[in-house]
Amino acid sequence: MHHLLIALASSPAPSPSLRPGISEDQVTPGLLGFLLTAFIVVLTALLIVDMVRRIRRVRYRAQVEEDRMAAAEAADIAHDDAADGNAGRTDT
């Protein structure tokens, strides 16, 4: 098995070349390919920035809502404690 791998690895690989009648300009992406790729990269970067901004906004809204609910619960507990303290008292 090793002899076969060594034989395959040592055989010279043909160097790539163009077929006759084809120029290098016909097989490269050219300016249009570069511009399209650059446009996709810039668009992807803008989408990522927008997504991060939206996720951050949702996270902040959830945090504010959680703080508001905690404050409302604390106010309810304080109100209930004050009501329980006044219920035992009679002013007659």
PDB file of N, CA and C in Angstrom:
ATOM      1  N   MET A   1       0.818  -1.189   0.000  1.00  0.00           N
ATOM      2  CA  MET A   1       0.000   0.000   0.000  1.00  0.00           C
ATOM      3  C   MET A   1       0.867   1.259   0.000  1.00  0.00           C
ATOM      4  N   HIS A   2       1.913   1.224   0.855  1.00  0.00           N
ATOM      5  CA  HIS A   2       2.795   2.384   0.926  1.00  0.00           C
ATOM      6  C   HIS A   2       3.547   2.590  -0.380  1.00  0.00           C
ATOM      7  N   HIS A   3       3.890   1.510  -1.041  1.00  0.00           N
ATOM      8  CA  HIS A   3       4.621   1.612  -2.304  1.00  0.00           C
ATOM      9  C   HIS A   3       3.765   2.294  -3.372  1.00  0.00           C
ATOM     10  N   LEU A   4       2.460   1.992  -3.343  1.00  0.00           N
ATOM     11  CA  LEU A   4       1.554   2.607  -4.299  1.00  0.00           C
ATOM     12  C   LEU A   4       1.428   4.110  -4.042  1.00  0.00           C
ATOM     13  N   LEU A   5       1.313   4.490  -2.775  1.00  0.00           N
ATOM     14  CA  LEU A   5       1.224   5.919  -2.434  1.00  0.00           C
ATOM     15  C   LEU A   5       2.496   6.661  -2.797  1.00  0.00           C
ATOM     16  N   ILE A   6       3.624   6.040  -2.556  1.00  0.00           N
ATOM     17  CA  ILE A   6       4.909   6.665  -2.903  1.00  0.00           C
ATOM     18  C   ILE A   6       5.017   6.819  -4.413  1.00  0.00           C
ATOM     19  N   ALA A   7       4.586   5.815  -5.160  1.00  0.00           N
ATOM     20  CA  ALA A   7       4.662   5.876  -6.626  1.00  0.00           C
ATOM     21  C   ALA A   7       3.739   6.966  -7.164  1.00  0.00           C
ATOM     22  N   LEU A   8       2.550   7.093  -6.578  1.00  0.00           N
ATOM     23  CA  LEU A   8       1.627   8.127  -7.030  1.00  0.00           C
ATOM     24  C   LEU A   8       2.113   9.527  -6.668  1.00  0.00           C
ATOM     25  N   ALA A   9       2.727   9.650  -5.506  1.00  0.00           N
ATOM     26  CA  ALA A   9       3.206  10.957  -5.064  1.00  0.00           C
ATOM     27  C   ALA A   9       4.444  11.391  -5.841  1.00  0.00           C
ATOM     28  N   SER A  10       5.240  10.463  -6.283  1.00  0.00           N
ATOM     29  CA  SER A  10       6.482  10.843  -6.962  1.00  0.00           C
ATOM     30  C   SER A  10       6.280  11.089  -8.449  1.00  0.00           C
ATOM     31  N   SER A  11       5.145  10.705  -8.999  1.00  0.00           N
ATOM     32  CA  SER A  11       4.937  10.944 -10.432  1.00  0.00           C
ATOM     33  C   SER A  11       4.739  12.432 -10.662  1.00  0.00           C
ATOM     34  N   PRO A  12       5.376  12.989 -11.689  1.00  0.00           N
ATOM     35  CA  PRO A  12       5.265  14.431 -11.923  1.00  0.00           C
ATOM     36  C   PRO A  12       3.844  14.804 -12.370  1.00  0.00           C
ATOM     37  N   ALA A  13       3.312  15.825 -11.759  1.00  0.00           N
ATOM     38  CA  ALA A  13       1.971  16.298 -12.096  1.00  0.00           C
ATOM     39  C   ALA A  13       2.078  17.245 -13.283  1.00  0.00           C
ATOM     40  N   PRO A  14       1.160  17.125 -14.211  1.00  0.00           N
ATOM     41  CA  PRO A  14       1.226  18.039 -15.359  1.00  0.00           C
ATOM     42  C   PRO A  14       0.913  19.470 -14.916  1.00  0.00           C
ATOM     43  N   SER A  15       1.657  20.414 -15.467  1.00  0.00           N
ATOM     44  CA  SER A  15       1.409  21.807 -15.101  1.00  0.00           C
ATOM     45  C   SER A  15       0.171  22.306 -15.842  1.00  0.00           C
ATOM     46  N   PRO A  16      -0.671  23.045 -15.165  1.00  0.00           N
ATOM     47  CA  PRO A  16      -1.888  23.522 -15.822  1.00  0.00           C
ATOM     48  C   PRO A  16      -1.558  24.572 -16.881  1.00  0.00           C
ATOM     49  N   SER A  17      -2.236  24.456 -17.988  1.00  0.00           N
ATOM     50  CA  SER A  17      -2.047  25.443 -19.048  1.00  0.00           C
ATOM     51  C   SER A  17      -3.376  25.620 -19.769  1.00  0.00           C
ATOM     52  N   LEU A  18      -3.504  26.699 -20.487  1.00  0.00           N
ATOM     53  CA  LEU A  18      -4.733  26.983 -21.216  1.00  0.00           C
ATOM     54  C   LEU A  18      -4.783  26.180 -22.506  1.00  0.00           C
ATOM     55  N   ARG A  19      -5.987  25.851 -22.886  1.00  0.00           N
ATOM     56  CA  ARG A  19      -6.151  25.171 -24.175  1.00  0.00           C
ATOM     57  C   ARG A  19      -5.804  26.141 -25.291  1.00  0.00           C
ATOM     58  N   PRO A  20      -5.416  25.656 -26.389  1.00  0.00           N
ATOM     59  CA  PRO A  20      -5.127  26.553 -27.524  1.00  0.00           C
ATOM     60  C   PRO A  20      -6.394  27.296 -27.954  1.00  0.00           C
ATOM     61  N   GLY A  21      -6.264  28.571 -28.221  1.00  0.00           N
ATOM     62  CA  GLY A  21      -7.388  29.390 -28.663  1.00  0.00           C
ATOM     63  C   GLY A  21      -8.094  30.117 -27.542  1.00  0.00           C
ATOM     64  N   ILE A  22      -7.710  29.891 -26.298  1.00  0.00           N
ATOM     65  CA  ILE A  22      -8.334  30.575 -25.150  1.00  0.00           C
ATOM     66  C   ILE A  22      -7.301  31.492 -24.531  1.00  0.00           C
ATOM     67  N   SER A  23      -7.690  32.744 -24.318  1.00  0.00           N
ATOM     68  CA  SER A  23      -6.772  33.700 -23.673  1.00  0.00           C
ATOM     69  C   SER A  23      -7.082  33.750 -22.176  1.00  0.00           C
ATOM     70  N   GLU A  24      -6.169  34.313 -21.430  1.00  0.00           N
ATOM     71  CA  GLU A  24      -6.334  34.399 -19.982  1.00  0.00           C
ATOM     72  C   GLU A  24      -7.513  35.300 -19.606  1.00  0.00           C
ATOM     73  N   ASP A  25      -7.829  36.282 -20.409  1.00  0.00           N
ATOM     74  CA  ASP A  25      -8.958  37.178 -20.136  1.00  0.00           C
ATOM     75  C   ASP A  25     -10.301  36.447 -20.192  1.00  0.00           C
ATOM     76  N   GLN A  26     -10.360  35.359 -20.897  1.00  0.00           N
ATOM     77  CA  GLN A  26     -11.613  34.621 -21.040  1.00  0.00           C
ATOM     78  C   GLN A  26     -11.905  33.706 -19.848  1.00  0.00           C
ATOM     79  N   VAL A  27     -10.941  33.474 -18.995  1.00  0.00           N
ATOM     80  CA  VAL A  27     -11.151  32.552 -17.882  1.00  0.00           C
ATOM     81  C   VAL A  27     -11.050  33.239 -16.515  1.00  0.00           C
ATOM     82  N   THR A  28     -10.765  34.518 -16.453  1.00  0.00           N
ATOM     83  CA  THR A  28     -10.702  35.229 -15.183  1.00  0.00           C
ATOM     84  C   THR A  28     -11.996  35.995 -14.968  1.00  0.00           C
ATOM     85  N   PRO A  29     -12.352  36.277 -13.731  1.00  0.00           N
ATOM     86  CA  PRO A  29     -13.600  36.985 -13.467  1.00  0.00           C
ATOM     87  C   PRO A  29     -13.580  38.435 -13.943  1.00  0.00           C
ATOM     88  N   GLY A  30     -12.436  39.037 -13.976  1.00  0.00           N
ATOM     89  CA  GLY A  30     -12.317  40.395 -14.479  1.00  0.00           C
ATOM     90  C   GLY A  30     -12.857  41.445 -13.511  1.00  0.00           C
ATOM     91  N   LEU A  31     -13.058  42.637 -14.035  1.00  0.00           N
ATOM     92  CA  LEU A  31     -13.511  43.761 -13.221  1.00  0.00           C
ATOM     93  C   LEU A  31     -14.924  43.552 -12.707  1.00  0.00           C
ATOM     94  N   LEU A  32     -15.794  43.027 -13.519  1.00  0.00           N
ATOM     95  CA  LEU A  32     -17.182  42.803 -13.101  1.00  0.00           C
ATOM     96  C   LEU A  32     -17.252  41.812 -11.943  1.00  0.00           C
ATOM     97  N   GLY A  33     -16.491  40.760 -12.006  1.00  0.00           N
ATOM     98  CA  GLY A  33     -16.454  39.778 -10.916  1.00  0.00           C
ATOM     99  C   GLY A  33     -15.935  40.385  -9.630  1.00  0.00           C
ATOM    100  N   PHE A  34     -14.891  41.212  -9.747  1.00  0.00           N
ATOM    101  CA  PHE A  34     -14.353  41.873  -8.561  1.00  0.00           C
ATOM    102  C   PHE A  34     -15.373  42.828  -7.953  1.00  0.00           C
ATOM    103  N   LEU A  35     -16.020  43.632  -8.794  1.00  0.00           N
ATOM    104  CA  LEU A  35     -17.006  44.592  -8.274  1.00  0.00           C
ATOM    105  C   LEU A  35     -18.191  43.882  -7.634  1.00  0.00           C
ATOM    106  N   LEU A  36     -18.641  42.804  -8.230  1.00  0.00           N
ATOM    107  CA  LEU A  36     -19.766  42.064  -7.656  1.00  0.00           C
ATOM    108  C   LEU A  36     -19.374  41.441  -6.320  1.00  0.00           C
ATOM    109  N   THR A  37     -18.185  40.892  -6.231  1.00  0.00           N
ATOM    110  CA  THR A  37     -17.721  40.320  -4.971  1.00  0.00           C
ATOM    111  C   THR A  37     -17.567  41.398  -3.902  1.00  0.00           C
ATOM    112  N   ALA A  38     -17.004  42.549  -4.263  1.00  0.00           N
ATOM    113  CA  ALA A  38     -16.855  43.647  -3.314  1.00  0.00           C
ATOM    114  C   ALA A  38     -18.219  44.134  -2.839  1.00  0.00           C
ATOM    115  N   PHE A  39     -19.199  44.221  -3.735  1.00  0.00           N
ATOM    116  CA  PHE A  39     -20.547  44.642  -3.365  1.00  0.00           C
ATOM    117  C   PHE A  39     -21.159  43.667  -2.365  1.00  0.00           C
ATOM    118  N   ILE A  40     -20.996  42.371  -2.593  1.00  0.00           N
ATOM    119  CA  ILE A  40     -21.546  41.366  -1.682  1.00  0.00           C
ATOM    120  C   ILE A  40     -20.879  41.451  -0.314  1.00  0.00           C
ATOM    121  N   VAL A  41     -19.574  41.687  -0.283  1.00  0.00           N
ATOM    122  CA  VAL A  41     -18.852  41.804   0.990  1.00  0.00           C
ATOM    123  C   VAL A  41     -19.337  43.029   1.764  1.00  0.00           C
ATOM    124  N   VAL A  42     -19.474  44.164   1.098  1.00  0.00           N
ATOM    125  CA  VAL A  42     -19.934  45.387   1.764  1.00  0.00           C
ATOM    126  C   VAL A  42     -21.370  45.212   2.244  1.00  0.00           C
ATOM    127  N   LEU A  43     -22.222  44.619   1.437  1.00  0.00           N
ATOM    128  CA  LEU A  43     -23.607  44.390   1.827  1.00  0.00           C
ATOM    129  C   LEU A  43     -23.692  43.459   3.032  1.00  0.00           C
ATOM    130  N   THR A  44     -22.889  42.423   3.052  1.00  0.00           N
ATOM    131  CA  THR A  44     -22.872  41.501   4.187  1.00  0.00           C
ATOM    132  C   THR A  44     -22.411  42.212   5.457  1.00  0.00           C
ATOM    133  N   ALA A  45     -21.384  43.047   5.354  1.00  0.00           N
ATOM    134  CA  ALA A  45     -20.899  43.784   6.527  1.00  0.00           C
ATOM    135  C   ALA A  45     -21.985  44.719   7.052  1.00  0.00           C
ATOM    136  N   LEU A  46     -22.695  45.407   6.166  1.00  0.00           N
ATOM    137  CA  LEU A  46     -23.773  46.296   6.609  1.00  0.00           C
ATOM    138  C   LEU A  46     -24.912  45.517   7.258  1.00  0.00           C
ATOM    139  N   LEU A  47     -25.241  44.363   6.718  1.00  0.00           N
ATOM    140  CA  LEU A  47     -26.290  43.541   7.322  1.00  0.00           C
ATOM    141  C   LEU A  47     -25.886  43.051   8.712  1.00  0.00           C
ATOM    142  N   ILE A  48     -24.620  42.709   8.888  1.00  0.00           N
ATOM    143  CA  ILE A  48     -24.146  42.257  10.199  1.00  0.00           C
ATOM    144  C   ILE A  48     -24.217  43.396  11.202  1.00  0.00           C
ATOM    145  N   VAL A  49     -23.802  44.592  10.803  1.00  0.00           N
ATOM    146  CA  VAL A  49     -23.869  45.751  11.706  1.00  0.00           C
ATOM    147  C   VAL A  49     -25.315  46.040  12.083  1.00  0.00           C
ATOM    148  N   ASP A  50     -26.228  45.993  11.127  1.00  0.00           N
ATOM    149  CA  ASP A  50     -27.638  46.244  11.412  1.00  0.00           C
ATOM    150  C   ASP A  50     -28.206  45.173  12.341  1.00  0.00           C
ATOM    151  N   MET A  51     -27.840  43.911  12.125  1.00  0.00           N
ATOM    152  CA  MET A  51     -28.327  42.837  12.973  1.00  0.00           C
ATOM    153  C   MET A  51     -27.832  43.003  14.411  1.00  0.00           C
ATOM    154  N   VAL A  52     -26.573  43.368  14.580  1.00  0.00           N
ATOM    155  CA  VAL A  52     -26.024  43.573  15.922  1.00  0.00           C
ATOM    156  C   VAL A  52     -26.754  44.723  16.619  1.00  0.00           C
ATOM    157  N   ARG A  53     -27.029  45.786  15.883  1.00  0.00           N
ATOM    158  CA  ARG A  53     -27.748  46.924  16.449  1.00  0.00           C
ATOM    159  C   ARG A  53     -29.150  46.521  16.900  1.00  0.00           C
ATOM    160  N   ARG A  54     -29.850  45.740  16.088  1.00  0.00           N
ATOM    161  CA  ARG A  54     -31.207  45.307  16.440  1.00  0.00           C
ATOM    162  C   ARG A  54     -31.202  44.363  17.639  1.00  0.00           C
ATOM    163  N   ILE A  55     -30.248  43.450  17.683  1.00  0.00           N
ATOM    164  CA  ILE A  55     -30.163  42.529  18.820  1.00  0.00           C
ATOM    165  C   ILE A  55     -29.860  43.292  20.100  1.00  0.00           C
ATOM    166  N   ARG A  56     -28.968  44.269  20.014  1.00  0.00           N
ATOM    167  CA  ARG A  56     -28.643  45.075  21.188  1.00  0.00           C
ATOM    168  C   ARG A  56     -29.870  45.843  21.668  1.00  0.00           C
ATOM    169  N   ARG A  57     -30.657  46.391  20.743  1.00  0.00           N
ATOM    170  CA  ARG A  57     -31.860  47.139  21.099  1.00  0.00           C
ATOM    171  C   ARG A  57     -32.877  46.238  21.794  1.00  0.00           C
ATOM    172  N   VAL A  58     -33.065  45.024  21.286  1.00  0.00           N
ATOM    173  CA  VAL A  58     -33.996  44.087  21.915  1.00  0.00           C
ATOM    174  C   VAL A  58     -33.509  43.714  23.308  1.00  0.00           C
ATOM    175  N   ARG A  59     -32.208  43.498  23.450  1.00  0.00           N
ATOM    176  CA  ARG A  59     -31.660  43.150  24.756  1.00  0.00           C
ATOM    177  C   ARG A  59     -31.870  44.284  25.760  1.00  0.00           C
ATOM    178  N   TYR A  60     -31.649  45.539  25.334  1.00  0.00           N
ATOM    179  CA  TYR A  60     -31.858  46.668  26.236  1.00  0.00           C
ATOM    180  C   TYR A  60     -33.322  46.817  26.611  1.00  0.00           C
ATOM    181  N   ARG A  61     -34.222  46.604  25.649  1.00  0.00           N
ATOM    182  CA  ARG A  61     -35.653  46.703  25.951  1.00  0.00           C
ATOM    183  C   ARG A  61     -36.066  45.628  26.951  1.00  0.00           C
ATOM    184  N   ALA A  62     -35.553  44.431  26.806  1.00  0.00           N
ATOM    185  CA  ALA A  62     -35.868  43.359  27.744  1.00  0.00           C
ATOM    186  C   ALA A  62     -35.330  43.689  29.128  1.00  0.00           C
ATOM    187  N   GLN A  63     -34.150  44.271  29.195  1.00  0.00           N
ATOM    188  CA  GLN A  63     -33.573  44.636  30.488  1.00  0.00           C
ATOM    189  C   GLN A  63     -34.397  45.732  31.161  1.00  0.00           C
ATOM    190  N   VAL A  64     -34.828  46.732  30.397  1.00  0.00           N
ATOM    191  CA  VAL A  64     -35.647  47.809  30.957  1.00  0.00           C
ATOM    192  C   VAL A  64     -36.983  47.255  31.439  1.00  0.00           C
ATOM    193  N   GLU A  65     -37.584  46.355  30.663  1.00  0.00           N
ATOM    194  CA  GLU A  65     -38.853  45.754  31.060  1.00  0.00           C
ATOM    195  C   GLU A  65     -38.685  44.927  32.331  1.00  0.00           C
ATOM    196  N   GLU A  66     -37.592  44.207  32.436  1.00  0.00           N
ATOM    197  CA  GLU A  66     -37.322  43.421  33.640  1.00  0.00           C
ATOM    198  C   GLU A  66     -37.140  44.327  34.851  1.00  0.00           C
ATOM    199  N   ASP A  67     -36.414  45.426  34.701  1.00  0.00           N
ATOM    200  CA  ASP A  67     -36.226  46.374  35.797  1.00  0.00           C
ATOM    201  C   ASP A  67     -37.552  47.017  36.208  1.00  0.00           C
ATOM    202  N   ARG A  68     -38.396  47.308  35.199  1.00  0.00           N
ATOM    203  CA  ARG A  68     -39.698  47.916  35.493  1.00  0.00           C
ATOM    204  C   ARG A  68     -40.587  46.947  36.265  1.00  0.00           C
ATOM    205  N   MET A  69     -40.566  45.675  35.868  1.00  0.00           N
ATOM    206  CA  MET A  69     -41.367  44.671  36.569  1.00  0.00           C
ATOM    207  C   MET A  69     -40.857  44.467  37.995  1.00  0.00           C
ATOM    208  N   ALA A  70     -39.547  44.473  38.192  1.00  0.00           N
ATOM    209  CA  ALA A  70     -38.985  44.325  39.537  1.00  0.00           C
ATOM    210  C   ALA A  70     -39.374  45.510  40.408  1.00  0.00           C
ATOM    211  N   ALA A  71     -39.359  46.725  39.837  1.00  0.00           N
ATOM    212  CA  ALA A  71     -39.751  47.911  40.600  1.00  0.00           C
ATOM    213  C   ALA A  71     -41.238  47.864  40.946  1.00  0.00           C
ATOM    214  N   ALA A  72     -42.066  47.372  40.023  1.00  0.00           N
ATOM    215  CA  ALA A  72     -43.503  47.267  40.295  1.00  0.00           C
ATOM    216  C   ALA A  72     -43.760  46.241  41.389  1.00  0.00           C
ATOM    217  N   GLU A  73     -43.036  45.127  41.365  1.00  0.00           N
ATOM    218  CA  GLU A  73     -43.191  44.124  42.421  1.00  0.00           C
ATOM    219  C   GLU A  73     -42.753  44.683  43.769  1.00  0.00           C
ATOM    220  N   ALA A  74     -41.663  45.418  43.784  1.00  0.00           N
ATOM    221  CA  ALA A  74     -41.187  46.017  45.040  1.00  0.00           C
ATOM    222  C   ALA A  74     -42.198  47.027  45.563  1.00  0.00           C
ATOM    223  N   ALA A  75     -42.816  47.795  44.668  1.00  0.00           N
ATOM    224  CA  ALA A  75     -43.826  48.765  45.097  1.00  0.00           C
ATOM    225  C   ALA A  75     -45.059  48.047  45.634  1.00  0.00           C
ATOM    226  N   ASP A  76     -45.451  46.949  45.007  1.00  0.00           N
ATOM    227  CA  ASP A  76     -46.600  46.181  45.499  1.00  0.00           C
ATOM    228  C   ASP A  76     -46.322  45.597  46.874  1.00  0.00           C
ATOM    229  N   ILE A  77     -45.128  45.076  47.080  1.00  0.00           N
ATOM    230  CA  ILE A  77     -44.766  44.509  48.382  1.00  0.00           C
ATOM    231  C   ILE A  77     -44.759  45.597  49.441  1.00  0.00           C
ATOM    232  N   ALA A  78     -44.196  46.760  49.101  1.00  0.00           N
ATOM    233  CA  ALA A  78     -44.171  47.867  50.060  1.00  0.00           C
ATOM    234  C   ALA A  78     -45.578  48.339  50.371  1.00  0.00           C
ATOM    235  N   HIS A  79     -46.449  48.396  49.374  1.00  0.00           N
ATOM    236  CA  HIS A  79     -47.834  48.819  49.580  1.00  0.00           C
ATOM    237  C   HIS A  79     -48.582  47.805  50.457  1.00  0.00           C
ATOM    238  N   ASP A  80     -48.351  46.501  50.208  1.00  0.00           N
ATOM    239  CA  ASP A  80     -49.000  45.467  51.020  1.00  0.00           C
ATOM    240  C   ASP A  80     -48.516  45.519  52.467  1.00  0.00           C
ATOM    241  N   ASP A  81     -47.217  45.752  52.674  1.00  0.00           N
ATOM    242  CA  ASP A  81     -46.683  45.850  54.034  1.00  0.00           C
ATOM    243  C   ASP A  81     -47.262  47.057  54.756  1.00  0.00           C
ATOM    244  N   ALA A  82     -47.389  48.156  54.048  1.00  0.00           N
ATOM    245  CA  ALA A  82     -47.963  49.362  54.670  1.00  0.00           C
ATOM    246  C   ALA A  82     -49.437  49.136  54.996  1.00  0.00           C
ATOM    247  N   ALA A  83     -50.149  48.449  54.143  1.00  0.00           N
ATOM    248  CA  ALA A  83     -51.566  48.180  54.389  1.00  0.00           C
ATOM    249  C   ALA A  83     -51.722  47.233  55.569  1.00  0.00           C
ATOM    250  N   ASP A  84     -50.848  46.250  55.708  1.00  0.00           N
ATOM    251  CA  ASP A  84     -50.912  45.323  56.839  1.00  0.00           C
ATOM    252  C   ASP A  84     -50.583  46.044  58.147  1.00  0.00           C
ATOM    253  N   GLY A  85     -49.688  46.994  58.108  1.00  0.00           N
ATOM    254  CA  GLY A  85     -49.343  47.762  59.317  1.00  0.00           C
ATOM    255  C   GLY A  85     -50.473  48.667  59.754  1.00  0.00           C
ATOM    256  N   ASN A  86     -51.224  49.253  58.855  1.00  0.00           N
ATOM    257  CA  ASN A  86     -52.346  50.126  59.192  1.00  0.00           C
ATOM    258  C   ASN A  86     -53.577  49.358  59.572  1.00  0.00           C
ATOM    259  N   ALA A  87     -53.720  48.111  59.184  1.00  0.00           N
ATOM    260  CA  ALA A  87     -54.917  47.316  59.474  1.00  0.00           C
ATOM    261  C   ALA A  87     -54.990  46.959  60.953  1.00  0.00           C
ATOM    262  N   GLY A  88     -53.887  46.808  61.624  1.00  0.00           N
ATOM    263  CA  GLY A  88     -53.880  46.449  63.056  1.00  0.00           C
ATOM    264  C   GLY A  88     -54.163  47.645  63.953  1.00  0.00           C
ATOM    265  N   ARG A  89     -54.084  48.830  63.461  1.00  0.00           N
ATOM    266  CA  ARG A  89     -54.251  50.052  64.255  1.00  0.00           C
ATOM    267  C   ARG A  89     -55.677  50.537  64.240  1.00  0.00           C
ATOM    268  N   THR A  90     -56.165  50.995  65.391  1.00  0.00           N
ATOM    269  CA  THR A  90     -57.491  51.638  65.456  1.00  0.00           C
ATOM    270  C   THR A  90     -57.333  52.982  66.114  1.00  0.00           C
ATOM    271  N   ASP A  91     -57.924  54.011  65.552  1.00  0.00           N
ATOM    272  CA  ASP A  91     -57.779  55.379  66.066  1.00  0.00           C
ATOM    273  C   ASP A  91     -59.074  55.855  66.721  1.00  0.00           C
ATOM    274  N   THR A  92     -59.638  55.165  67.644  1.00  0.00           N
ATOM    275  CA  THR A  92     -60.850  55.622  68.323  1.00  0.00           C
ATOM    276  C   THR A  92     -60.635  55.951  69.742  1.00  0.00           C
TER     277      THR A  92
END
